[in-house]
C-alpha atoms as a PDB file:
ATOM      1  CA  MET A   1     -20.561  74.385  38.244  1.00  0.00           C
ATOM      2  CA  ASN A   2     -23.442  75.277  36.826  1.00  0.00           C
ATOM      3  CA  LYS A   3     -24.934  74.079  33.586  1.00  0.00           C
ATOM      4  CA  GLN A   4     -24.271  75.916  31.157  1.00  0.00           C
ATOM      5  CA  GLU A   5     -20.737  76.697  31.948  1.00  0.00           C
ATOM      6  CA  LEU A   6     -20.547  73.149  32.188  1.00  0.00           C
ATOM      7  CA  GLY A   7     -22.635  72.850  28.873  1.00  0.00           C
ATOM      8  CA  GLN A   8     -19.867  75.078  27.163  1.00  0.00           C
ATOM      9  CA  LYS A   9     -16.614  73.438  28.541  1.00  0.00           C
ATOM     10  CA  ILE A  10     -18.116  70.417  26.866  1.00  0.00           C
ATOM     11  CA  ARG A  11     -18.905  71.882  23.757  1.00  0.00           C
ATOM     12  CA  ALA A  12     -15.407  73.630  23.561  1.00  0.00           C
ATOM     13  CA  LEU A  13     -13.958  70.190  24.773  1.00  0.00           C
ATOM     14  CA  ARG A  14     -15.631  68.194  21.772  1.00  0.00           C
ATOM     15  CA  LYS A  15     -14.777  70.901  18.956  1.00  0.00           C
ATOM     16  CA  GLU A  16     -11.658  71.413  19.892  1.00  0.00           C
ATOM     17  CA  ARG A  17     -11.531  67.055  19.329  1.00  0.00           C
ATOM     18  CA  LYS A  18     -12.911  67.924  16.114  1.00  0.00           C
ATOM     19  CA  GLN A  19     -15.990  66.195  17.201  1.00  0.00           C
ATOM     20  CA  THR A  20     -19.476  66.547  15.597  1.00  0.00           C
ATOM     21  CA  LEU A  21     -22.578  66.261  18.081  1.00  0.00           C
ATOM     22  CA  GLU A  22     -23.066  63.077  16.808  1.00  0.00           C
ATOM     23  CA  THR A  23     -20.038  61.460  17.034  1.00  0.00           C
ATOM     24  CA  LEU A  24     -20.096  62.397  20.791  1.00  0.00           C
ATOM     25  CA  ALA A  25     -23.336  61.473  21.525  1.00  0.00           C
ATOM     26  CA  GLU A  26     -22.727  58.164  20.014  1.00  0.00           C
ATOM     27  CA  ALA A  27     -19.527  57.687  21.715  1.00  0.00           C
ATOM     28  CA  ALA A  28     -20.948  58.850  24.989  1.00  0.00           C
ATOM     29  CA  ASP A  29     -24.561  56.189  24.222  1.00  0.00           C
ATOM     30  CA  ILE A  30     -26.825  58.635  24.939  1.00  0.00           C
ATOM     31  CA  GLY A  31     -29.012  60.709  22.372  1.00  0.00           C
ATOM     32  CA  LEU A  32     -28.390  63.183  20.117  1.00  0.00           C
ATOM     33  CA  VAL A  33     -31.525  65.893  21.549  1.00  0.00           C
ATOM     34  CA  TYR A  34     -29.943  65.365  24.948  1.00  0.00           C
ATOM     35  CA  LEU A  35     -26.133  65.903  24.617  1.00  0.00           C
ATOM     36  CA  GLY A  36     -27.230  69.963  22.949  1.00  0.00           C
ATOM     37  CA  GLU A  37     -29.986  70.256  25.384  1.00  0.00           C
ATOM     38  CA  ILE A  38     -26.252  69.484  27.888  1.00  0.00           C
ATOM     39  CA  GLU A  39     -24.640  71.927  25.132  1.00  0.00           C
ATOM     40  CA  ARG A  40     -26.874  74.890  25.640  1.00  0.00           C
ATOM     41  CA  GLY A  41     -27.553  74.380  29.276  1.00  0.00           C
ATOM     42  CA  ILE A  42     -31.095  73.084  29.212  1.00  0.00           C
ATOM     43  CA  LYS A  43     -30.413  70.028  30.858  1.00  0.00           C
ATOM     44  CA  MET A  44     -27.348  69.166  33.478  1.00  0.00           C
ATOM     45  CA  PRO A  45     -26.182  65.575  33.389  1.00  0.00           C
ATOM     46  CA  SER A  46     -26.991  62.598  35.338  1.00  0.00           C
ATOM     47  CA  LEU A  47     -23.485  61.119  36.845  1.00  0.00           C
ATOM     48  CA  LYS A  48     -23.600  58.166  35.002  1.00  0.00           C
ATOM     49  CA  THR A  49     -23.893  60.556  31.929  1.00  0.00           C
ATOM     50  CA  PHE A  50     -21.444  62.616  32.972  1.00  0.00           C
ATOM     51  CA  ILE A  51     -19.096  59.208  33.096  1.00  0.00           C
ATOM     52  CA  LYS A  52     -20.344  58.955  29.568  1.00  0.00           C
ATOM     53  CA  LEU A  53     -19.385  62.398  27.797  1.00  0.00           C
ATOM     54  CA  VAL A  54     -15.202  62.525  30.499  1.00  0.00           C
ATOM     55  CA  ASN A  55     -14.501  58.846  28.772  1.00  0.00           C
ATOM     56  CA  ALA A  56     -16.099  59.595  25.326  1.00  0.00           C
ATOM     57  CA  LEU A  57     -13.958  62.802  25.151  1.00  0.00           C
ATOM     58  CA  ASP A  58     -10.704  61.496  27.166  1.00  0.00           C
ATOM     59  CA  VAL A  59     -11.012  64.213  30.372  1.00  0.00           C
ATOM     60  CA  SER A  60     -10.789  63.975  32.912  1.00  0.00           C
ATOM     61  CA  ALA A  61     -13.495  65.087  35.871  1.00  0.00           C
ATOM     62  CA  ASP A  62     -11.974  67.293  37.586  1.00  0.00           C
ATOM     63  CA  GLU A  63     -10.774  68.630  34.059  1.00  0.00           C
ATOM     64  CA  LEU A  64     -15.019  68.923  32.660  1.00  0.00           C
ATOM     65  CA  ILE A  65     -16.196  70.311  35.556  1.00  0.00           C
ATOM     66  CA  GLY A  66     -12.583  73.108  35.922  1.00  0.00           C
ATOM     67  CA  LEU A  67     -11.269  72.062  39.083  1.00  0.00           C
ATOM     68  CA  GLU A  68      -8.578  71.024  37.675  1.00  0.00           C
ATOM     69  CA  THR A  69      -5.903  72.928  40.683  1.00  0.00           C
ATOM     70  CA  ARG A  70      -2.484  74.368  39.083  1.00  0.00           C
ATOM     71  CA  SER A  71      -0.240  72.806  41.949  1.00  0.00           C
ATOM     72  CA  GLY A  72       0.342  69.700  43.694  1.00  0.00           C
ATOM     73  CA  ARG A  73       2.472  66.450  42.355  1.00  0.00           C
ATOM     74  CA  ASP A  74       0.399  65.074  40.170  1.00  0.00           C
ATOM     75  CA  TYR A  75      -0.417  69.120  38.039  1.00  0.00           C
ATOM     76  CA  TYR A  76       3.447  69.633  38.249  1.00  0.00           C
ATOM     77  CA  ALA A  77       4.798  65.703  37.042  1.00  0.00           C
ATOM     78  CA  GLN A  78       2.119  66.878  34.054  1.00  0.00           C
ATOM     79  CA  LYS A  79       3.072  70.360  33.466  1.00  0.00           C
ATOM     80  CA  LEU A  80       6.778  68.540  33.087  1.00  0.00           C
ATOM     81  CA  SER A  81       5.979  65.216  30.992  1.00  0.00           C
ATOM     82  CA  GLU A  82       4.392  67.901  29.159  1.00  0.00           C
ATOM     83  CA  GLN A  83       6.939  69.714  28.712  1.00  0.00           C
ATOM     84  CA  MET A  84      10.404  67.509  27.776  1.00  0.00           C
ATOM     85  CA  GLN A  85       7.774  64.930  25.446  1.00  0.00           C
ATOM     86  CA  SER A  86       9.229  67.775  22.672  1.00  0.00           C
ATOM     87  CA  LEU A  87      12.902  66.954  24.129  1.00  0.00           C
ATOM     88  CA  THR A  88      15.026  64.309  22.009  1.00  0.00           C
ATOM     89  CA  GLN A  89      17.118  61.203  24.264  1.00  0.00           C
ATOM     90  CA  GLU A  90      20.179  63.281  25.141  1.00  0.00           C
ATOM     91  CA  GLU A  91      18.104  67.267  26.399  1.00  0.00           C
ATOM     92  CA  THR A  92      15.494  64.565  28.665  1.00  0.00           C
ATOM     93  CA  ALA A  93      19.322  62.609  30.246  1.00  0.00           C
ATOM     94  CA  ALA A  94      20.366  65.884  31.063  1.00  0.00           C
ATOM     95  CA  VAL A  95      17.444  67.581  31.930  1.00  0.00           C
ATOM     96  CA  LEU A  96      16.796  64.759  34.527  1.00  0.00           C
ATOM     97  CA  SER A  97      19.948  64.798  35.883  1.00  0.00           C
ATOM     98  CA  ILE A  98      19.728  68.614  36.312  1.00  0.00           C
ATOM     99  CA  LEU A  99      16.332  67.347  37.813  1.00  0.00           C
ATOM    100  CA  GLU A 100      18.660  65.352  40.673  1.00  0.00           C
ATOM    101  CA  THR A 101      20.782  67.252  41.700  1.00  0.00           C
ATOM    102  CA  THR A 102      18.489  70.224  42.547  1.00  0.00           C
ATOM    103  CA  ILE A 103      16.195  67.549  44.074  1.00  0.00           C
ATOM    104  CA  GLN A 104      19.007  67.048  45.941  1.00  0.00           C
ATOM    105  CA  GLN A 105      19.852  69.995  46.978  1.00  0.00           C
ATOM    106  CA  VAL A 106      17.208  71.314  48.074  1.00  0.00           C
ATOM    107  CA  LYS A 107      16.026  68.395  50.302  1.00  0.00           C
ATOM    108  CA  LYS A 108      19.862  68.696  51.852  1.00  0.00           C
ATOM    109  CA  LEU A 109      18.650  72.801  52.897  1.00  0.00           C
ATOM    110  CA  ARG A 110      15.689  71.162  54.106  1.00  0.00           C
ATOM    111  CA  ASN A 111      17.289  69.126  56.344  1.00  0.00           C
ATOM    112  CA  GLU A 112      19.686  72.362  57.035  1.00  0.00           C
ATOM    113  CA  THR A 113      17.080  73.988  58.391  1.00  0.00           C
ATOM    114  CA  ILE A 114      15.396  72.444  60.590  1.00  0.00           C
END
């Protein structure tokens, strides 16, 4: 990721969170001018500043630099959790039951093919 892409991502996340340049600079404990230069792609933040921005934006580092994968257990667990947040307790229990049954069937099929 180059400094322009990183700056654009930081700006987009800041706006998505309805933060001003000033509030993000303060939350990250960095200078306002420096943050503006980062967002405009003029400067690349140091690792220390990058971590401050990650914390101030409340995002993961991989999300900020665009390396969030669309596979793997963590990704699927997050997606499942997001989908289930809007469900009632009864609906969540039903989904969990279906998921447990499905997992048992997958494991059974896997063992039969080995």
